[in-house]
Amino acid sequence: METMNSVTPIDEGAAAPAPAARMLGLRAVLIALALIEAWFGFSDAPTLFGDMSHIGSGIGGGLIKAHLAAHPVLAVAALLLAAFGYVRHAIIALGTIIIMTWLNDMPSVVAQGFELKSVFSAVETVARIIAFPLIAACAIAYAAHNEHLGRATFLVAVPTLFSVVLLVGFAISVIRYGF
């Protein structure tokens, strides 16, 4: 019987690619989305340090305050995770921002109901209250199972791009018609 004490050489060139070389396209998209979300989050963050009497109390006020505090933190986390190659985790962080935004909207929906006065407000309300949380849940599920990461990235991009389109449309209307 032969003794197995010989060392098998390991080919260093056959090792898995470094995290920096994997999924560069998805990482770039996630970094861009995280930067946009960080901008949205940090633009709302000063509300935490000012007069918060208009926010209210109870569970609704708590959800709004939690969203204001968590949004920039989750966006920076998604940015860093995507930059370091943790695509799945970045998708989950961006999906969590979408869920937190939905929870932030719930107190006003419960108090005032759906705002369906015009076609535009109906589309925005249905998207933000019904579609985006479902989209986020699907993206989080894909990322948690490490499946269809491209599709999951697209899903978390939809609400962010929707917000950007709304912001650009508002800016154009202010430029054209005044405030």
C-alpha atoms as a PDB file:
ATOM      1  CA  MET A   1       0.000   0.000   0.000  1.00  0.00           C
ATOM      2  CA  GLU A   2       1.316   3.402  -0.941  1.00  0.00           C
ATOM      3  CA  THR A   3       1.368   6.271   1.530  1.00  0.00           C
ATOM      4  CA  MET A   4      -0.389   9.461   0.483  1.00  0.00           C
ATOM      5  CA  ASN A   5       1.992  12.080   1.736  1.00  0.00           C
ATOM      6  CA  SER A   6       2.887  13.769  -1.516  1.00  0.00           C
ATOM      7  CA  VAL A   7       1.746  17.329  -2.019  1.00  0.00           C
ATOM      8  CA  THR A   8      -0.356  18.118  -5.050  1.00  0.00           C
ATOM      9  CA  PRO A   9       0.671  21.404  -6.644  1.00  0.00           C
ATOM     10  CA  ILE A  10      -2.058  24.017  -6.925  1.00  0.00           C
ATOM     11  CA  ASP A  11      -2.250  26.081 -10.065  1.00  0.00           C
ATOM     12  CA  GLU A  12      -2.609  29.690  -8.861  1.00  0.00           C
ATOM     13  CA  GLY A  13      -3.801  30.796 -12.297  1.00  0.00           C
ATOM     14  CA  ALA A  14      -6.881  28.550 -12.058  1.00  0.00           C
ATOM     15  CA  ALA A  15      -8.182  30.188  -8.878  1.00  0.00           C
ATOM     16  CA  ALA A  16     -11.512  31.989  -8.873  1.00  0.00           C
ATOM     17  CA  PRO A  17     -11.370  35.492 -10.263  1.00  0.00           C
ATOM     18  CA  ALA A  18     -10.895  38.306  -7.807  1.00  0.00           C
ATOM     19  CA  PRO A  19     -14.098  40.032  -6.650  1.00  0.00           C
ATOM     20  CA  ALA A  20     -13.114  43.135  -8.606  1.00  0.00           C
ATOM     21  CA  ALA A  21     -13.306  41.240 -11.900  1.00  0.00           C
ATOM     22  CA  ARG A  22     -16.708  39.613 -11.372  1.00  0.00           C
ATOM     23  CA  MET A  23     -20.019  41.089 -12.469  1.00  0.00           C
ATOM     24  CA  LEU A  24     -18.618  44.513 -13.326  1.00  0.00           C
ATOM     25  CA  GLY A  25     -21.754  45.596 -15.175  1.00  0.00           C
ATOM     26  CA  LEU A  26     -24.087  44.739 -12.308  1.00  0.00           C
ATOM     27  CA  ARG A  27     -21.737  46.345  -9.825  1.00  0.00           C
ATOM     28  CA  ALA A  28     -21.588  49.562 -11.864  1.00  0.00           C
ATOM     29  CA  VAL A  29     -25.379  49.738 -12.076  1.00  0.00           C
ATOM     30  CA  LEU A  30     -25.753  49.030  -8.365  1.00  0.00           C
ATOM     31  CA  ILE A  31     -23.157  51.684  -7.501  1.00  0.00           C
ATOM     32  CA  ALA A  32     -25.037  54.240  -9.622  1.00  0.00           C
ATOM     33  CA  LEU A  33     -28.352  53.286  -7.990  1.00  0.00           C
ATOM     34  CA  ALA A  34     -26.809  53.443  -4.518  1.00  0.00           C
ATOM     35  CA  LEU A  35     -25.395  56.908  -5.240  1.00  0.00           C
ATOM     36  CA  ILE A  36     -28.822  58.144  -6.340  1.00  0.00           C
ATOM     37  CA  GLU A  37     -30.472  56.614  -3.276  1.00  0.00           C
ATOM     38  CA  ALA A  38     -27.774  58.095  -1.035  1.00  0.00           C
ATOM     39  CA  TRP A  39     -28.506  61.511  -2.528  1.00  0.00           C
ATOM     40  CA  PHE A  40     -32.239  61.033  -1.863  1.00  0.00           C
ATOM     41  CA  GLY A  41     -31.538  59.797   1.664  1.00  0.00           C
ATOM     42  CA  PHE A  42     -29.094  62.525   2.615  1.00  0.00           C
ATOM     43  CA  SER A  43     -31.376  65.218   1.193  1.00  0.00           C
ATOM     44  CA  ASP A  44     -34.096  64.097   3.631  1.00  0.00           C
ATOM     45  CA  ALA A  45     -31.763  63.486   6.593  1.00  0.00           C
ATOM     46  CA  PRO A  46     -31.754  67.104   7.901  1.00  0.00           C
ATOM     47  CA  THR A  47     -35.391  66.583   8.864  1.00  0.00           C
ATOM     48  CA  LEU A  48     -34.138  64.327  11.672  1.00  0.00           C
ATOM     49  CA  PHE A  49     -32.241  67.192  13.261  1.00  0.00           C
ATOM     50  CA  GLY A  50     -34.881  69.891  12.933  1.00  0.00           C
ATOM     51  CA  ASP A  51     -38.378  70.412  14.239  1.00  0.00           C
ATOM     52  CA  MET A  52     -40.146  67.071  13.927  1.00  0.00           C
ATOM     53  CA  SER A  53     -43.463  68.141  15.443  1.00  0.00           C
ATOM     54  CA  HIS A  54     -45.130  67.981  12.014  1.00  0.00           C
ATOM     55  CA  ILE A  55     -44.262  64.280  11.647  1.00  0.00           C
ATOM     56  CA  GLY A  56     -46.520  63.149  14.425  1.00  0.00           C
ATOM     57  CA  SER A  57     -46.255  60.433  16.997  1.00  0.00           C
ATOM     58  CA  GLY A  58     -47.256  56.827  17.311  1.00  0.00           C
ATOM     59  CA  ILE A  59     -46.361  54.032  14.971  1.00  0.00           C
ATOM     60  CA  GLY A  60     -46.773  56.224  11.878  1.00  0.00           C
ATOM     61  CA  GLY A  61     -44.316  58.799  13.153  1.00  0.00           C
ATOM     62  CA  GLY A  62     -41.947  56.026  14.182  1.00  0.00           C
ATOM     63  CA  LEU A  63     -42.024  54.526  10.680  1.00  0.00           C
ATOM     64  CA  ILE A  64     -41.305  57.898   9.112  1.00  0.00           C
ATOM     65  CA  LYS A  65     -38.415  58.566  11.505  1.00  0.00           C
ATOM     66  CA  ALA A  66     -37.019  55.065  10.939  1.00  0.00           C
ATOM     67  CA  HIS A  67     -37.120  55.647   7.183  1.00  0.00           C
ATOM     68  CA  LEU A  68     -35.385  59.004   7.473  1.00  0.00           C
ATOM     69  CA  ALA A  69     -32.635  57.455   9.590  1.00  0.00           C
ATOM     70  CA  ALA A  70     -32.230  54.168   7.691  1.00  0.00           C
ATOM     71  CA  HIS A  71     -32.381  55.409   4.095  1.00  0.00           C
ATOM     72  CA  PRO A  72     -28.919  57.019   3.917  1.00  0.00           C
ATOM     73  CA  VAL A  73     -27.359  54.212   5.967  1.00  0.00           C
ATOM     74  CA  LEU A  74     -28.775  51.518   3.684  1.00  0.00           C
ATOM     75  CA  ALA A  75     -27.762  53.492   0.581  1.00  0.00           C
ATOM     76  CA  VAL A  76     -24.163  53.841   1.760  1.00  0.00           C
ATOM     77  CA  ALA A  77     -24.162  50.156   2.715  1.00  0.00           C
ATOM     78  CA  ALA A  78     -25.388  49.242  -0.779  1.00  0.00           C
ATOM     79  CA  LEU A  79     -22.720  51.476  -2.299  1.00  0.00           C
ATOM     80  CA  LEU A  80     -19.927  49.860  -0.309  1.00  0.00           C
ATOM     81  CA  LEU A  81     -21.240  46.338  -0.831  1.00  0.00           C
ATOM     82  CA  ALA A  82     -21.449  46.835  -4.587  1.00  0.00           C
ATOM     83  CA  ALA A  83     -18.010  48.435  -4.680  1.00  0.00           C
ATOM     84  CA  PHE A  84     -16.464  45.476  -2.868  1.00  0.00           C
ATOM     85  CA  GLY A  85     -18.216  42.906  -5.076  1.00  0.00           C
ATOM     86  CA  TYR A  86     -21.039  41.783  -2.804  1.00  0.00           C
ATOM     87  CA  VAL A  87     -23.722  42.144  -5.460  1.00  0.00           C
ATOM     88  CA  ARG A  88     -26.317  40.012  -3.679  1.00  0.00           C
ATOM     89  CA  HIS A  89     -26.019  42.014  -0.494  1.00  0.00           C
ATOM     90  CA  ALA A  90     -26.183  45.338  -2.351  1.00  0.00           C
ATOM     91  CA  ILE A  91     -29.406  44.226  -4.042  1.00  0.00           C
ATOM     92  CA  ILE A  92     -30.864  43.266  -0.670  1.00  0.00           C
ATOM     93  CA  ALA A  93     -29.887  46.656   0.794  1.00  0.00           C
ATOM     94  CA  LEU A  94     -31.515  48.513  -2.121  1.00  0.00           C
ATOM     95  CA  GLY A  95     -34.598  46.310  -1.845  1.00  0.00           C
ATOM     96  CA  THR A  96     -34.783  47.143   1.842  1.00  0.00           C
ATOM     97  CA  ILE A  97     -34.775  50.855   0.969  1.00  0.00           C
ATOM     98  CA  ILE A  98     -37.789  50.257  -1.272  1.00  0.00           C
ATOM     99  CA  ILE A  99     -39.619  48.403   1.513  1.00  0.00           C
ATOM    100  CA  MET A 100     -38.727  51.164   4.007  1.00  0.00           C
ATOM    101  CA  THR A 101     -40.057  53.790   1.569  1.00  0.00           C
ATOM    102  CA  TRP A 102     -43.291  51.828   1.290  1.00  0.00           C
ATOM    103  CA  LEU A 103     -43.564  51.662   5.082  1.00  0.00           C
ATOM    104  CA  ASN A 104     -42.895  55.412   5.166  1.00  0.00           C
ATOM    105  CA  ASP A 105     -45.904  55.964   2.878  1.00  0.00           C
ATOM    106  CA  MET A 106     -48.265  53.705   4.816  1.00  0.00           C
ATOM    107  CA  PRO A 107     -49.286  56.175   7.578  1.00  0.00           C
ATOM    108  CA  SER A 108     -50.626  58.661   5.032  1.00  0.00           C
ATOM    109  CA  VAL A 109     -52.320  55.909   3.011  1.00  0.00           C
ATOM    110  CA  VAL A 110     -54.036  54.601   6.143  1.00  0.00           C
ATOM    111  CA  ALA A 111     -55.071  58.110   7.222  1.00  0.00           C
ATOM    112  CA  GLN A 112     -56.127  59.496   3.830  1.00  0.00           C
ATOM    113  CA  GLY A 113     -56.590  56.495   1.552  1.00  0.00           C
ATOM    114  CA  PHE A 114     -55.395  56.150  -2.017  1.00  0.00           C
ATOM    115  CA  GLU A 115     -55.030  59.386  -3.936  1.00  0.00           C
ATOM    116  CA  LEU A 116     -56.566  58.647  -7.305  1.00  0.00           C
ATOM    117  CA  LYS A 117     -57.742  62.129  -8.309  1.00  0.00           C
ATOM    118  CA  SER A 118     -55.889  62.244 -11.612  1.00  0.00           C
ATOM    119  CA  VAL A 119     -54.300  59.759 -13.952  1.00  0.00           C
ATOM    120  CA  PHE A 120     -50.814  60.818 -12.885  1.00  0.00           C
ATOM    121  CA  SER A 121     -51.496  60.498  -9.157  1.00  0.00           C
ATOM    122  CA  ALA A 122     -53.228  57.159  -9.744  1.00  0.00           C
ATOM    123  CA  VAL A 123     -50.191  55.771 -11.585  1.00  0.00           C
ATOM    124  CA  GLU A 124     -47.785  57.077  -8.955  1.00  0.00           C
ATOM    125  CA  THR A 125     -49.890  55.792  -6.056  1.00  0.00           C
ATOM    126  CA  VAL A 126     -50.398  52.330  -7.521  1.00  0.00           C
ATOM    127  CA  ALA A 127     -46.704  52.092  -8.375  1.00  0.00           C
ATOM    128  CA  ARG A 128     -45.452  53.221  -4.952  1.00  0.00           C
ATOM    129  CA  ILE A 129     -48.002  51.412  -2.793  1.00  0.00           C
ATOM    130  CA  ILE A 130     -48.617  48.181  -4.709  1.00  0.00           C
ATOM    131  CA  ALA A 131     -46.012  47.519  -7.415  1.00  0.00           C
ATOM    132  CA  PHE A 132     -42.746  48.675  -5.823  1.00  0.00           C
ATOM    133  CA  PRO A 133     -43.024  46.603  -2.617  1.00  0.00           C
ATOM    134  CA  LEU A 134     -43.751  43.512  -4.707  1.00  0.00           C
ATOM    135  CA  ILE A 135     -40.832  44.323  -6.986  1.00  0.00           C
ATOM    136  CA  ALA A 136     -38.559  44.734  -3.962  1.00  0.00           C
ATOM    137  CA  ALA A 137     -39.710  41.444  -2.467  1.00  0.00           C
ATOM    138  CA  CYS A 138     -38.952  39.628  -5.732  1.00  0.00           C
ATOM    139  CA  ALA A 139     -35.525  41.252  -6.015  1.00  0.00           C
ATOM    140  CA  ILE A 140     -34.672  40.373  -2.412  1.00  0.00           C
ATOM    141  CA  ALA A 141     -35.802  36.778  -2.978  1.00  0.00           C
ATOM    142  CA  TYR A 142     -33.694  36.467  -6.141  1.00  0.00           C
ATOM    143  CA  ALA A 143     -30.650  37.901  -4.380  1.00  0.00           C
ATOM    144  CA  ALA A 144     -31.126  35.776  -1.268  1.00  0.00           C
ATOM    145  CA  HIS A 145     -31.146  32.643  -3.417  1.00  0.00           C
ATOM    146  CA  ASN A 146     -28.255  33.941  -5.582  1.00  0.00           C
ATOM    147  CA  GLU A 147     -30.362  33.541  -8.717  1.00  0.00           C
ATOM    148  CA  HIS A 148     -31.067  35.911 -11.592  1.00  0.00           C
ATOM    149  CA  LEU A 149     -28.937  38.725 -10.185  1.00  0.00           C
ATOM    150  CA  GLY A 150     -29.301  40.718 -13.406  1.00  0.00           C
ATOM    151  CA  ARG A 151     -33.069  40.564 -13.137  1.00  0.00           C
ATOM    152  CA  ALA A 152     -32.890  41.443  -9.436  1.00  0.00           C
ATOM    153  CA  THR A 153     -30.712  44.462 -10.255  1.00  0.00           C
ATOM    154  CA  PHE A 154     -33.243  45.586 -12.845  1.00  0.00           C
ATOM    155  CA  LEU A 155     -36.054  45.182 -10.328  1.00  0.00           C
ATOM    156  CA  VAL A 156     -34.380  47.348  -7.677  1.00  0.00           C
ATOM    157  CA  ALA A 157     -33.554  49.918 -10.362  1.00  0.00           C
ATOM    158  CA  VAL A 158     -37.191  50.479 -11.378  1.00  0.00           C
ATOM    159  CA  PRO A 159     -38.353  52.454  -8.286  1.00  0.00           C
ATOM    160  CA  THR A 160     -35.177  54.554  -8.211  1.00  0.00           C
ATOM    161  CA  LEU A 161     -35.441  55.402 -11.898  1.00  0.00           C
ATOM    162  CA  PHE A 162     -39.150  56.148 -11.442  1.00  0.00           C
ATOM    163  CA  SER A 163     -38.246  58.669  -8.726  1.00  0.00           C
ATOM    164  CA  VAL A 164     -35.567  60.218 -10.943  1.00  0.00           C
ATOM    165  CA  VAL A 165     -38.047  60.576 -13.829  1.00  0.00           C
ATOM    166  CA  LEU A 166     -40.561  62.239 -11.486  1.00  0.00           C
ATOM    167  CA  LEU A 167     -37.892  64.616 -10.194  1.00  0.00           C
ATOM    168  CA  VAL A 168     -36.737  65.546 -13.700  1.00  0.00           C
ATOM    169  CA  GLY A 169     -40.335  66.042 -14.821  1.00  0.00           C
ATOM    170  CA  PHE A 170     -40.988  68.309 -11.849  1.00  0.00           C
ATOM    171  CA  ALA A 171     -37.821  70.319 -12.558  1.00  0.00           C
ATOM    172  CA  ILE A 172     -38.776  70.752 -16.214  1.00  0.00           C
ATOM    173  CA  SER A 173     -42.273  71.917 -15.306  1.00  0.00           C
ATOM    174  CA  VAL A 174     -40.880  74.419 -12.795  1.00  0.00           C
ATOM    175  CA  ILE A 175     -38.457  75.736 -15.407  1.00  0.00           C
ATOM    176  CA  ARG A 176     -41.195  76.042 -18.025  1.00  0.00           C
ATOM    177  CA  TYR A 177     -44.098  77.299 -15.951  1.00  0.00           C
ATOM    178  CA  GLY A 178     -42.563  78.633 -12.753  1.00  0.00           C
ATOM    179  CA  PHE A 179     -43.270  77.654  -9.214  1.00  0.00           C
END
